[in-house]
Amino acid sequence: MLTTSQAPGSSRREYSDSRAPSRSTAVPERIYSWQRETESASANTYEKTHWHVTCRRDDEAVVTVQSLTVLETPGHTDGCVTYVTEDQGMAFTGDALLIRGCGRTDFQQGSPERLYESVHQRIFSLPGHCFIYPAHDYKGQTVSTVDEEKKFNPRLTKSLEEFATIMNNLNLPRPKKIDISVPANLVCGLHDV
């Protein structure tokens, strides 16, 4: 159940989910809609919660859901990380693990061997029901699970040697500004500061 409270003299209201009292969201008083939707999957029972908050221009919405664990998952580049929720129910894998694929390894600091080890040792060690959210997908897919990728990922179900052969022979065109982009990404775009 969603509850609301407001401290005396405060311009913010506190919205809390009673199922998880430590999770709350503070938003400005000018709120138009707040909606909670719950869906359940056929094989697995899980809740998918959507919070819809509408605020006016320049309003501030501070969302505090939970802490994230940062796993180093290099291989696409040295700077790749995966963010995992505290309950290990979701992992945001960046370009290391995509849905039915993975990031290319022919960029600066890329390594098929390191990527394979990162995925198998760090991401695939998460619970099988853990939802995988990649940085992007070229086919419009938005979510998978650890178990699905362990079973169906056409590259990462191979042996290390087979994976390295596949990755070393992709022959993808080199992005035009990759020599600028990767170093800038590794320092959060602050390379000239």
N, C-alpha and C. Protein backbone atom coordinates (compact mmCIF):
# COMPACT_ATOMS: atom_id res chain seq x y z
N MET A 1 0.83 -1.18 0.00
CA MET A 1 0.00 0.00 0.00
C MET A 1 0.87 1.24 0.00
N LEU A 2 0.52 2.22 -0.78
CA LEU A 2 1.27 3.47 -0.87
C LEU A 2 0.72 4.45 0.14
N THR A 3 1.59 4.99 0.99
CA THR A 3 1.15 5.95 2.00
C THR A 3 1.86 7.27 1.79
N THR A 4 1.26 8.34 2.30
CA THR A 4 1.79 9.68 2.13
C THR A 4 1.96 10.34 3.48
N SER A 5 3.05 11.08 3.66
CA SER A 5 3.24 11.88 4.86
C SER A 5 3.96 13.16 4.48
N GLN A 6 3.78 14.20 5.27
CA GLN A 6 4.44 15.47 4.99
C GLN A 6 4.84 16.10 6.31
N ALA A 7 6.11 16.48 6.43
CA ALA A 7 6.60 17.12 7.64
C ALA A 7 6.06 18.55 7.72
N PRO A 8 5.76 19.04 8.92
CA PRO A 8 5.27 20.42 9.04
C PRO A 8 6.25 21.41 8.43
N GLY A 9 5.74 22.32 7.61
CA GLY A 9 6.57 23.34 6.96
C GLY A 9 7.36 22.85 5.77
N SER A 10 7.25 21.59 5.41
CA SER A 10 8.01 21.02 4.30
C SER A 10 7.26 21.21 2.99
N SER A 11 8.01 21.41 1.90
CA SER A 11 7.38 21.50 0.58
C SER A 11 7.38 20.15 -0.12
N ARG A 12 7.82 19.13 0.58
CA ARG A 12 7.87 17.79 -0.01
C ARG A 12 6.96 16.84 0.74
N ARG A 13 6.45 15.89 0.00
CA ARG A 13 5.70 14.80 0.60
C ARG A 13 6.54 13.55 0.50
N GLU A 14 6.40 12.67 1.45
CA GLU A 14 7.11 11.41 1.45
C GLU A 14 6.14 10.31 1.05
N TYR A 15 6.47 9.57 0.01
CA TYR A 15 5.62 8.48 -0.47
C TYR A 15 6.33 7.19 -0.16
N SER A 16 5.68 6.31 0.58
CA SER A 16 6.33 5.07 1.00
C SER A 16 5.51 3.87 0.59
N ASP A 17 6.19 2.82 0.24
CA ASP A 17 5.57 1.55 -0.07
C ASP A 17 5.56 0.75 1.22
N SER A 18 4.39 0.42 1.76
CA SER A 18 4.30 -0.25 3.05
C SER A 18 4.90 -1.65 3.03
N ARG A 19 5.02 -2.27 1.84
CA ARG A 19 5.64 -3.59 1.78
C ARG A 19 7.13 -3.49 2.01
N ALA A 20 7.72 -2.35 1.76
CA ALA A 20 9.15 -2.15 1.93
C ALA A 20 9.36 -0.81 2.61
N PRO A 21 9.23 -0.75 3.95
CA PRO A 21 9.26 0.53 4.63
C PRO A 21 10.55 1.31 4.44
N SER A 22 11.65 0.64 4.09
CA SER A 22 12.90 1.36 3.90
C SER A 22 12.97 2.03 2.53
N ARG A 23 12.03 1.75 1.66
CA ARG A 23 12.04 2.33 0.32
C ARG A 23 11.04 3.48 0.28
N SER A 24 11.52 4.64 -0.08
CA SER A 24 10.62 5.77 -0.15
C SER A 24 11.04 6.70 -1.27
N THR A 25 10.14 7.57 -1.64
CA THR A 25 10.40 8.53 -2.70
C THR A 25 9.89 9.89 -2.24
N ALA A 26 10.74 10.88 -2.27
CA ALA A 26 10.33 12.23 -1.90
C ALA A 26 10.11 13.02 -3.19
N VAL A 27 8.96 13.63 -3.33
CA VAL A 27 8.68 14.44 -4.52
C VAL A 27 8.04 15.75 -4.09
N PRO A 28 8.09 16.77 -4.92
CA PRO A 28 7.48 18.04 -4.57
C PRO A 28 5.97 17.91 -4.40
N GLU A 29 5.37 18.89 -3.76
CA GLU A 29 3.95 18.85 -3.47
C GLU A 29 3.08 18.84 -4.71
N ARG A 30 3.53 19.44 -5.80
CA ARG A 30 2.71 19.51 -7.02
C ARG A 30 2.79 18.19 -7.77
N ILE A 31 2.08 17.23 -7.32
CA ILE A 31 2.08 15.92 -7.97
C ILE A 31 0.70 15.66 -8.54
N TYR A 32 0.66 15.18 -9.75
CA TYR A 32 -0.61 14.96 -10.42
C TYR A 32 -1.05 13.50 -10.39
N SER A 33 -0.12 12.59 -10.55
CA SER A 33 -0.53 11.19 -10.60
C SER A 33 0.52 10.31 -9.95
N TRP A 34 0.04 9.29 -9.31
CA TRP A 34 0.92 8.27 -8.73
C TRP A 34 0.21 6.95 -8.94
N GLN A 35 0.85 6.03 -9.58
CA GLN A 35 0.16 4.80 -9.95
C GLN A 35 1.08 3.62 -9.69
N ARG A 36 0.52 2.56 -9.21
CA ARG A 36 1.28 1.33 -8.99
C ARG A 36 0.61 0.21 -9.75
N GLU A 37 1.37 -0.48 -10.57
CA GLU A 37 0.83 -1.59 -11.34
C GLU A 37 1.60 -2.84 -10.94
N THR A 38 0.91 -3.93 -10.82
CA THR A 38 1.57 -5.19 -10.50
C THR A 38 1.25 -6.20 -11.58
N GLU A 39 2.28 -6.86 -12.06
CA GLU A 39 2.12 -7.89 -13.06
C GLU A 39 2.71 -9.18 -12.50
N SER A 40 2.25 -10.30 -12.97
CA SER A 40 2.88 -11.55 -12.55
C SER A 40 3.17 -12.39 -13.78
N ALA A 41 4.30 -13.06 -13.74
CA ALA A 41 4.68 -13.92 -14.86
C ALA A 41 4.04 -15.29 -14.67
N SER A 42 3.86 -16.01 -15.76
CA SER A 42 3.18 -17.30 -15.66
C SER A 42 4.01 -18.34 -14.93
N ALA A 43 5.26 -18.51 -15.28
CA ALA A 43 6.08 -19.56 -14.67
C ALA A 43 6.64 -19.11 -13.32
N ASN A 44 7.08 -17.88 -13.23
CA ASN A 44 7.65 -17.37 -11.99
C ASN A 44 6.73 -16.30 -11.44
N THR A 45 6.67 -16.21 -10.14
CA THR A 45 5.89 -15.15 -9.52
C THR A 45 6.84 -14.02 -9.18
N TYR A 46 6.57 -12.86 -9.69
CA TYR A 46 7.35 -11.68 -9.37
C TYR A 46 6.45 -10.47 -9.53
N GLU A 47 6.85 -9.41 -8.88
CA GLU A 47 6.10 -8.18 -9.03
C GLU A 47 6.92 -7.21 -9.84
N LYS A 48 6.25 -6.54 -10.74
CA LYS A 48 6.88 -5.51 -11.54
C LYS A 48 6.16 -4.22 -11.21
N THR A 49 6.86 -3.31 -10.62
CA THR A 49 6.22 -2.10 -10.15
C THR A 49 6.62 -0.93 -11.02
N HIS A 50 5.63 -0.16 -11.45
CA HIS A 50 5.86 1.06 -12.22
C HIS A 50 5.38 2.23 -11.37
N TRP A 51 6.19 3.21 -11.17
CA TRP A 51 5.77 4.42 -10.48
C TRP A 51 5.64 5.50 -11.54
N HIS A 52 4.47 6.06 -11.66
CA HIS A 52 4.23 7.14 -12.61
C HIS A 52 4.06 8.43 -11.83
N VAL A 53 5.00 9.33 -11.95
CA VAL A 53 4.95 10.60 -11.24
C VAL A 53 4.98 11.71 -12.29
N THR A 54 4.05 12.62 -12.21
CA THR A 54 4.03 13.75 -13.11
C THR A 54 4.28 15.01 -12.30
N CYS A 55 5.30 15.75 -12.65
CA CYS A 55 5.62 17.00 -11.96
C CYS A 55 5.70 18.12 -13.00
N ARG A 56 5.69 19.32 -12.53
CA ARG A 56 5.84 20.46 -13.43
C ARG A 56 7.30 20.67 -13.79
N ARG A 57 7.54 21.45 -14.81
CA ARG A 57 8.89 21.77 -15.25
C ARG A 57 9.70 22.32 -14.08
N ASP A 58 10.93 21.89 -13.98
CA ASP A 58 11.89 22.28 -12.95
C ASP A 58 11.58 21.73 -11.57
N ASP A 59 10.57 20.91 -11.42
CA ASP A 59 10.33 20.24 -10.15
C ASP A 59 11.43 19.21 -9.93
N GLU A 60 11.66 18.84 -8.70
CA GLU A 60 12.68 17.86 -8.36
C GLU A 60 12.01 16.60 -7.84
N ALA A 61 12.42 15.46 -8.34
CA ALA A 61 11.94 14.18 -7.84
C ALA A 61 13.16 13.38 -7.40
N VAL A 62 13.26 13.11 -6.12
CA VAL A 62 14.37 12.35 -5.58
C VAL A 62 13.87 10.94 -5.29
N VAL A 63 14.45 9.96 -5.94
CA VAL A 63 14.00 8.59 -5.79
C VAL A 63 15.08 7.80 -5.08
N THR A 64 14.71 7.20 -3.96
CA THR A 64 15.63 6.36 -3.22
C THR A 64 14.99 4.99 -3.14
N VAL A 65 15.54 4.05 -3.90
CA VAL A 65 14.95 2.72 -3.94
C VAL A 65 15.78 1.74 -3.12
N GLN A 66 17.02 1.59 -3.46
CA GLN A 66 17.88 0.67 -2.74
C GLN A 66 19.30 0.88 -3.18
N SER A 67 20.23 0.22 -2.52
CA SER A 67 21.63 0.36 -2.90
C SER A 67 21.94 -0.61 -4.03
N LEU A 68 22.99 -0.31 -4.76
CA LEU A 68 23.45 -1.15 -5.86
C LEU A 68 24.87 -1.61 -5.58
N THR A 69 25.15 -2.86 -5.90
CA THR A 69 26.51 -3.38 -5.82
C THR A 69 27.14 -3.23 -7.20
N VAL A 70 28.36 -2.75 -7.23
CA VAL A 70 29.06 -2.55 -8.49
C VAL A 70 30.01 -3.72 -8.72
N LEU A 71 29.77 -4.46 -9.80
CA LEU A 71 30.66 -5.56 -10.17
C LEU A 71 31.52 -5.10 -11.35
N GLU A 72 32.81 -5.31 -11.24
CA GLU A 72 33.66 -5.02 -12.39
C GLU A 72 33.45 -6.13 -13.41
N THR A 73 33.11 -5.75 -14.64
CA THR A 73 32.89 -6.73 -15.70
C THR A 73 33.61 -6.29 -16.97
N PRO A 74 34.95 -6.18 -16.91
CA PRO A 74 35.71 -5.74 -18.08
C PRO A 74 35.72 -6.78 -19.20
N GLY A 75 36.10 -6.34 -20.35
CA GLY A 75 36.19 -7.22 -21.51
C GLY A 75 35.75 -6.49 -22.76
N HIS A 76 34.60 -5.82 -22.68
CA HIS A 76 34.18 -4.92 -23.77
C HIS A 76 35.16 -3.75 -23.77
N THR A 77 35.35 -3.14 -22.60
CA THR A 77 36.43 -2.19 -22.31
C THR A 77 36.79 -2.42 -20.84
N ASP A 78 37.86 -1.78 -20.38
CA ASP A 78 38.26 -1.91 -18.98
C ASP A 78 37.27 -1.26 -18.03
N GLY A 79 36.51 -0.28 -18.50
CA GLY A 79 35.62 0.46 -17.63
C GLY A 79 34.25 -0.15 -17.43
N CYS A 80 33.98 -1.30 -18.01
CA CYS A 80 32.64 -1.89 -17.90
C CYS A 80 32.34 -2.37 -16.49
N VAL A 81 31.14 -2.03 -16.04
CA VAL A 81 30.67 -2.49 -14.74
C VAL A 81 29.23 -2.96 -14.88
N THR A 82 28.80 -3.75 -13.92
CA THR A 82 27.42 -4.21 -13.81
C THR A 82 26.91 -3.78 -12.45
N TYR A 83 25.73 -3.17 -12.43
CA TYR A 83 25.10 -2.73 -11.18
C TYR A 83 24.05 -3.76 -10.79
N VAL A 84 24.12 -4.25 -9.55
CA VAL A 84 23.21 -5.29 -9.08
C VAL A 84 22.44 -4.77 -7.87
N THR A 85 21.11 -4.97 -7.88
CA THR A 85 20.30 -4.52 -6.75
C THR A 85 20.62 -5.37 -5.53
N GLU A 86 20.33 -4.81 -4.36
CA GLU A 86 20.71 -5.47 -3.11
C GLU A 86 20.06 -6.83 -2.93
N ASP A 87 18.88 -7.05 -3.52
CA ASP A 87 18.23 -8.36 -3.41
C ASP A 87 18.64 -9.30 -4.54
N GLN A 88 19.55 -8.87 -5.38
CA GLN A 88 20.04 -9.60 -6.55
C GLN A 88 18.90 -9.98 -7.49
N GLY A 89 17.88 -9.16 -7.54
CA GLY A 89 16.75 -9.40 -8.43
C GLY A 89 16.91 -8.75 -9.79
N MET A 90 17.82 -7.77 -9.89
CA MET A 90 18.06 -7.08 -11.15
C MET A 90 19.54 -6.77 -11.30
N ALA A 91 20.02 -6.86 -12.55
CA ALA A 91 21.39 -6.48 -12.86
C ALA A 91 21.38 -5.63 -14.12
N PHE A 92 22.06 -4.51 -14.05
CA PHE A 92 22.17 -3.59 -15.18
C PHE A 92 23.57 -3.80 -15.75
N THR A 93 23.64 -4.52 -16.87
CA THR A 93 24.89 -5.09 -17.35
C THR A 93 25.67 -4.23 -18.33
N GLY A 94 25.18 -3.06 -18.66
CA GLY A 94 25.90 -2.22 -19.60
C GLY A 94 26.08 -2.93 -20.93
N ASP A 95 27.30 -2.88 -21.46
CA ASP A 95 27.59 -3.54 -22.74
C ASP A 95 28.26 -4.90 -22.57
N ALA A 96 28.49 -5.33 -21.32
CA ALA A 96 29.14 -6.63 -21.12
C ALA A 96 28.23 -7.76 -21.59
N LEU A 97 27.02 -7.81 -21.05
CA LEU A 97 26.07 -8.85 -21.42
C LEU A 97 24.83 -8.20 -22.02
N LEU A 98 24.55 -8.54 -23.25
CA LEU A 98 23.36 -8.06 -23.93
C LEU A 98 22.36 -9.22 -23.98
N ILE A 99 21.17 -8.98 -24.46
CA ILE A 99 20.20 -10.07 -24.59
C ILE A 99 20.57 -10.88 -25.82
N ARG A 100 20.91 -12.13 -25.57
CA ARG A 100 21.37 -13.07 -26.60
C ARG A 100 22.61 -12.57 -27.33
N GLY A 101 23.45 -11.86 -26.63
CA GLY A 101 24.69 -11.36 -27.21
C GLY A 101 25.58 -10.78 -26.13
N CYS A 102 26.57 -10.03 -26.56
CA CYS A 102 27.49 -9.34 -25.65
C CYS A 102 28.16 -8.21 -26.41
N GLY A 103 28.81 -7.35 -25.68
CA GLY A 103 29.52 -6.25 -26.32
C GLY A 103 30.71 -6.74 -27.11
N ARG A 104 31.01 -6.02 -28.16
CA ARG A 104 32.17 -6.38 -28.98
C ARG A 104 33.45 -6.20 -28.16
N THR A 105 34.51 -6.84 -28.59
CA THR A 105 35.76 -6.81 -27.81
C THR A 105 36.94 -6.27 -28.61
N ASP A 106 36.64 -5.60 -29.72
CA ASP A 106 37.73 -5.10 -30.56
C ASP A 106 38.02 -3.62 -30.32
N PHE A 107 37.46 -3.03 -29.24
CA PHE A 107 37.77 -1.65 -28.88
C PHE A 107 39.06 -1.63 -28.06
N GLN A 108 39.54 -0.41 -27.74
CA GLN A 108 40.70 -0.29 -26.86
C GLN A 108 40.40 -1.04 -25.56
N GLN A 109 41.35 -1.79 -25.10
CA GLN A 109 41.27 -2.56 -23.86
C GLN A 109 40.27 -3.70 -23.92
N GLY A 110 39.70 -3.98 -25.08
CA GLY A 110 38.77 -5.09 -25.20
C GLY A 110 39.51 -6.42 -25.21
N SER A 111 38.86 -7.44 -24.68
CA SER A 111 39.47 -8.76 -24.63
C SER A 111 38.38 -9.81 -24.54
N PRO A 112 38.29 -10.71 -25.54
CA PRO A 112 37.28 -11.77 -25.47
C PRO A 112 37.43 -12.63 -24.21
N GLU A 113 38.66 -12.95 -23.84
CA GLU A 113 38.90 -13.79 -22.67
C GLU A 113 38.41 -13.12 -21.39
N ARG A 114 38.72 -11.84 -21.24
CA ARG A 114 38.29 -11.11 -20.04
C ARG A 114 36.77 -10.97 -20.00
N LEU A 115 36.15 -10.70 -21.15
CA LEU A 115 34.70 -10.56 -21.18
C LEU A 115 34.03 -11.88 -20.81
N TYR A 116 34.50 -12.97 -21.37
CA TYR A 116 33.96 -14.30 -21.07
C TYR A 116 34.05 -14.58 -19.57
N GLU A 117 35.23 -14.33 -18.99
CA GLU A 117 35.42 -14.56 -17.56
C GLU A 117 34.52 -13.64 -16.73
N SER A 118 34.40 -12.37 -17.13
CA SER A 118 33.55 -11.43 -16.40
C SER A 118 32.10 -11.91 -16.36
N VAL A 119 31.60 -12.30 -17.51
CA VAL A 119 30.20 -12.73 -17.58
C VAL A 119 30.01 -14.03 -16.81
N HIS A 120 30.87 -15.01 -17.05
CA HIS A 120 30.69 -16.32 -16.41
C HIS A 120 30.94 -16.28 -14.91
N GLN A 121 31.94 -15.51 -14.46
CA GLN A 121 32.27 -15.51 -13.04
C GLN A 121 31.47 -14.50 -12.23
N ARG A 122 31.09 -13.37 -12.85
CA ARG A 122 30.42 -12.32 -12.07
C ARG A 122 28.91 -12.29 -12.33
N ILE A 123 28.50 -12.25 -13.59
CA ILE A 123 27.08 -12.11 -13.89
C ILE A 123 26.35 -13.45 -13.80
N PHE A 124 26.93 -14.49 -14.40
CA PHE A 124 26.27 -15.79 -14.37
C PHE A 124 26.29 -16.44 -12.97
N SER A 125 27.00 -15.85 -12.03
CA SER A 125 26.97 -16.36 -10.65
C SER A 125 25.79 -15.79 -9.86
N LEU A 126 25.07 -14.84 -10.44
CA LEU A 126 23.87 -14.28 -9.80
C LEU A 126 22.75 -15.31 -9.86
N PRO A 127 21.71 -15.17 -9.03
CA PRO A 127 20.60 -16.12 -9.08
C PRO A 127 19.98 -16.19 -10.47
N GLY A 128 19.51 -17.35 -10.85
CA GLY A 128 18.95 -17.57 -12.18
C GLY A 128 17.77 -16.68 -12.51
N HIS A 129 16.99 -16.30 -11.49
CA HIS A 129 15.81 -15.46 -11.72
C HIS A 129 16.16 -13.98 -11.84
N CYS A 130 17.42 -13.61 -11.62
CA CYS A 130 17.84 -12.21 -11.67
C CYS A 130 17.58 -11.64 -13.07
N PHE A 131 16.85 -10.54 -13.12
CA PHE A 131 16.55 -9.89 -14.40
C PHE A 131 17.79 -9.17 -14.91
N ILE A 132 18.06 -9.31 -16.20
CA ILE A 132 19.20 -8.68 -16.85
C ILE A 132 18.68 -7.52 -17.70
N TYR A 133 19.20 -6.32 -17.43
CA TYR A 133 18.85 -5.14 -18.21
C TYR A 133 20.12 -4.62 -18.88
N PRO A 134 20.28 -4.82 -20.19
CA PRO A 134 21.48 -4.35 -20.87
C PRO A 134 21.39 -2.85 -21.16
N ALA A 135 22.51 -2.27 -21.57
CA ALA A 135 22.55 -0.84 -21.90
C ALA A 135 21.70 -0.54 -23.13
N HIS A 136 21.65 -1.47 -24.05
CA HIS A 136 20.87 -1.27 -25.28
C HIS A 136 20.62 -2.60 -25.94
N ASP A 137 19.73 -2.59 -26.90
CA ASP A 137 19.45 -3.79 -27.68
C ASP A 137 18.99 -3.35 -29.06
N TYR A 138 19.54 -3.93 -30.08
CA TYR A 138 19.22 -3.52 -31.45
C TYR A 138 17.94 -4.16 -31.97
N LYS A 139 17.35 -5.07 -31.21
CA LYS A 139 16.13 -5.74 -31.66
C LYS A 139 14.91 -5.36 -30.81
N GLY A 140 15.06 -4.41 -29.91
CA GLY A 140 13.94 -3.96 -29.10
C GLY A 140 13.66 -4.78 -27.86
N GLN A 141 14.51 -5.75 -27.54
CA GLN A 141 14.32 -6.54 -26.33
C GLN A 141 14.83 -5.72 -25.14
N THR A 142 14.13 -5.78 -24.03
CA THR A 142 14.53 -4.94 -22.90
C THR A 142 14.98 -5.70 -21.67
N VAL A 143 14.60 -6.97 -21.54
CA VAL A 143 14.95 -7.69 -20.33
C VAL A 143 15.09 -9.18 -20.61
N SER A 144 15.98 -9.81 -19.86
CA SER A 144 16.18 -11.26 -19.90
C SER A 144 16.44 -11.68 -18.47
N THR A 145 16.86 -12.91 -18.26
CA THR A 145 17.26 -13.37 -16.93
C THR A 145 18.61 -14.06 -17.04
N VAL A 146 19.25 -14.26 -15.92
CA VAL A 146 20.52 -14.98 -15.90
C VAL A 146 20.32 -16.38 -16.48
N ASP A 147 19.28 -17.09 -16.03
CA ASP A 147 19.04 -18.45 -16.55
C ASP A 147 18.82 -18.46 -18.06
N GLU A 148 18.04 -17.49 -18.58
CA GLU A 148 17.81 -17.45 -20.03
C GLU A 148 19.11 -17.25 -20.79
N GLU A 149 19.96 -16.35 -20.32
CA GLU A 149 21.22 -16.09 -21.03
C GLU A 149 22.18 -17.27 -20.91
N LYS A 150 22.17 -17.95 -19.77
CA LYS A 150 23.00 -19.15 -19.64
C LYS A 150 22.58 -20.22 -20.64
N LYS A 151 21.29 -20.31 -20.92
CA LYS A 151 20.78 -21.35 -21.82
C LYS A 151 20.78 -20.96 -23.28
N PHE A 152 20.47 -19.68 -23.56
CA PHE A 152 20.17 -19.31 -24.94
C PHE A 152 21.12 -18.31 -25.59
N ASN A 153 22.09 -17.77 -24.85
CA ASN A 153 22.99 -16.80 -25.45
C ASN A 153 23.91 -17.52 -26.44
N PRO A 154 23.79 -17.22 -27.74
CA PRO A 154 24.52 -18.00 -28.74
C PRO A 154 26.04 -17.89 -28.65
N ARG A 155 26.56 -16.85 -28.03
CA ARG A 155 28.00 -16.71 -27.89
C ARG A 155 28.49 -17.25 -26.56
N LEU A 156 27.78 -16.92 -25.49
CA LEU A 156 28.28 -17.23 -24.16
C LEU A 156 27.94 -18.62 -23.67
N THR A 157 27.24 -19.41 -24.49
CA THR A 157 27.02 -20.83 -24.17
C THR A 157 28.15 -21.68 -24.72
N LYS A 158 29.06 -21.06 -25.45
CA LYS A 158 30.21 -21.76 -26.03
C LYS A 158 31.34 -21.86 -25.01
N SER A 159 32.37 -22.62 -25.36
CA SER A 159 33.58 -22.69 -24.53
C SER A 159 34.34 -21.38 -24.69
N LEU A 160 35.28 -21.12 -23.82
CA LEU A 160 36.10 -19.91 -23.91
C LEU A 160 36.80 -19.82 -25.26
N GLU A 161 37.34 -20.92 -25.73
CA GLU A 161 38.06 -20.92 -27.00
C GLU A 161 37.13 -20.60 -28.17
N GLU A 162 35.95 -21.21 -28.18
CA GLU A 162 34.98 -20.95 -29.25
C GLU A 162 34.50 -19.49 -29.20
N PHE A 163 34.28 -18.99 -27.99
CA PHE A 163 33.85 -17.61 -27.81
C PHE A 163 34.91 -16.65 -28.36
N ALA A 164 36.17 -16.86 -28.00
CA ALA A 164 37.26 -15.99 -28.47
C ALA A 164 37.35 -16.02 -29.99
N THR A 165 37.18 -17.18 -30.59
CA THR A 165 37.22 -17.29 -32.06
C THR A 165 36.08 -16.48 -32.69
N ILE A 166 34.88 -16.60 -32.14
CA ILE A 166 33.74 -15.84 -32.65
C ILE A 166 34.02 -14.34 -32.54
N MET A 167 34.44 -13.91 -31.36
CA MET A 167 34.63 -12.47 -31.12
C MET A 167 35.78 -11.90 -31.95
N ASN A 168 36.82 -12.68 -32.15
CA ASN A 168 37.96 -12.20 -32.94
C ASN A 168 37.69 -12.19 -34.44
N ASN A 169 36.57 -12.74 -34.85
CA ASN A 169 36.25 -12.81 -36.28
C ASN A 169 34.91 -12.15 -36.63
N LEU A 170 34.44 -11.21 -35.82
CA LEU A 170 33.19 -10.51 -36.11
C LEU A 170 33.32 -9.58 -37.31
N ASN A 171 34.51 -9.01 -37.48
CA ASN A 171 34.78 -8.11 -38.61
C ASN A 171 33.76 -6.99 -38.73
N LEU A 172 33.44 -6.36 -37.59
CA LEU A 172 32.50 -5.25 -37.58
C LEU A 172 33.21 -3.96 -38.00
N PRO A 173 32.50 -3.04 -38.64
CA PRO A 173 33.14 -1.76 -38.99
C PRO A 173 33.52 -0.99 -37.73
N ARG A 174 34.63 -0.32 -37.80
CA ARG A 174 35.11 0.45 -36.65
C ARG A 174 34.31 1.75 -36.55
N PRO A 175 33.73 2.04 -35.38
CA PRO A 175 33.02 3.31 -35.21
C PRO A 175 33.94 4.51 -35.46
N LYS A 176 33.41 5.54 -36.08
CA LYS A 176 34.23 6.69 -36.50
C LYS A 176 34.95 7.38 -35.35
N LYS A 177 34.31 7.55 -34.22
CA LYS A 177 34.92 8.32 -33.13
C LYS A 177 35.30 7.46 -31.93
N ILE A 178 35.54 6.19 -32.16
CA ILE A 178 35.82 5.29 -31.04
C ILE A 178 37.11 5.64 -30.31
N ASP A 179 38.11 6.17 -31.03
CA ASP A 179 39.38 6.53 -30.39
C ASP A 179 39.22 7.72 -29.45
N ILE A 180 38.14 8.47 -29.60
CA ILE A 180 37.84 9.58 -28.70
C ILE A 180 36.85 9.14 -27.63
N SER A 181 35.86 8.37 -28.03
CA SER A 181 34.76 8.00 -27.14
C SER A 181 35.17 7.11 -25.98
N VAL A 182 35.89 6.04 -26.25
CA VAL A 182 36.24 5.11 -25.17
C VAL A 182 37.10 5.78 -24.11
N PRO A 183 38.19 6.49 -24.48
CA PRO A 183 38.96 7.16 -23.43
C PRO A 183 38.13 8.19 -22.65
N ALA A 184 37.25 8.90 -23.33
CA ALA A 184 36.39 9.88 -22.64
C ALA A 184 35.43 9.17 -21.69
N ASN A 185 34.86 8.05 -22.12
CA ASN A 185 33.94 7.31 -21.24
C ASN A 185 34.66 6.80 -19.99
N LEU A 186 35.91 6.41 -20.12
CA LEU A 186 36.65 5.87 -18.99
C LEU A 186 36.91 6.91 -17.91
N VAL A 187 36.85 8.21 -18.27
CA VAL A 187 37.05 9.27 -17.28
C VAL A 187 35.79 10.14 -17.19
N CYS A 188 34.65 9.53 -17.51
CA CYS A 188 33.34 10.22 -17.43
C CYS A 188 33.32 11.52 -18.22
N GLY A 189 34.03 11.57 -19.33
CA GLY A 189 34.02 12.74 -20.19
C GLY A 189 34.86 13.90 -19.67
N LEU A 190 35.63 13.69 -18.61
CA LEU A 190 36.39 14.76 -17.98
C LEU A 190 37.88 14.73 -18.34
N HIS A 191 38.21 14.23 -19.51
CA HIS A 191 39.61 14.08 -19.87
C HIS A 191 40.32 15.41 -20.09
N ASP A 192 39.61 16.51 -20.32
CA ASP A 192 40.26 17.80 -20.52
C ASP A 192 40.31 18.65 -19.27
N VAL A 193 39.81 18.13 -18.16
CA VAL A 193 39.74 18.93 -16.91
C VAL A 193 41.04 18.83 -16.16
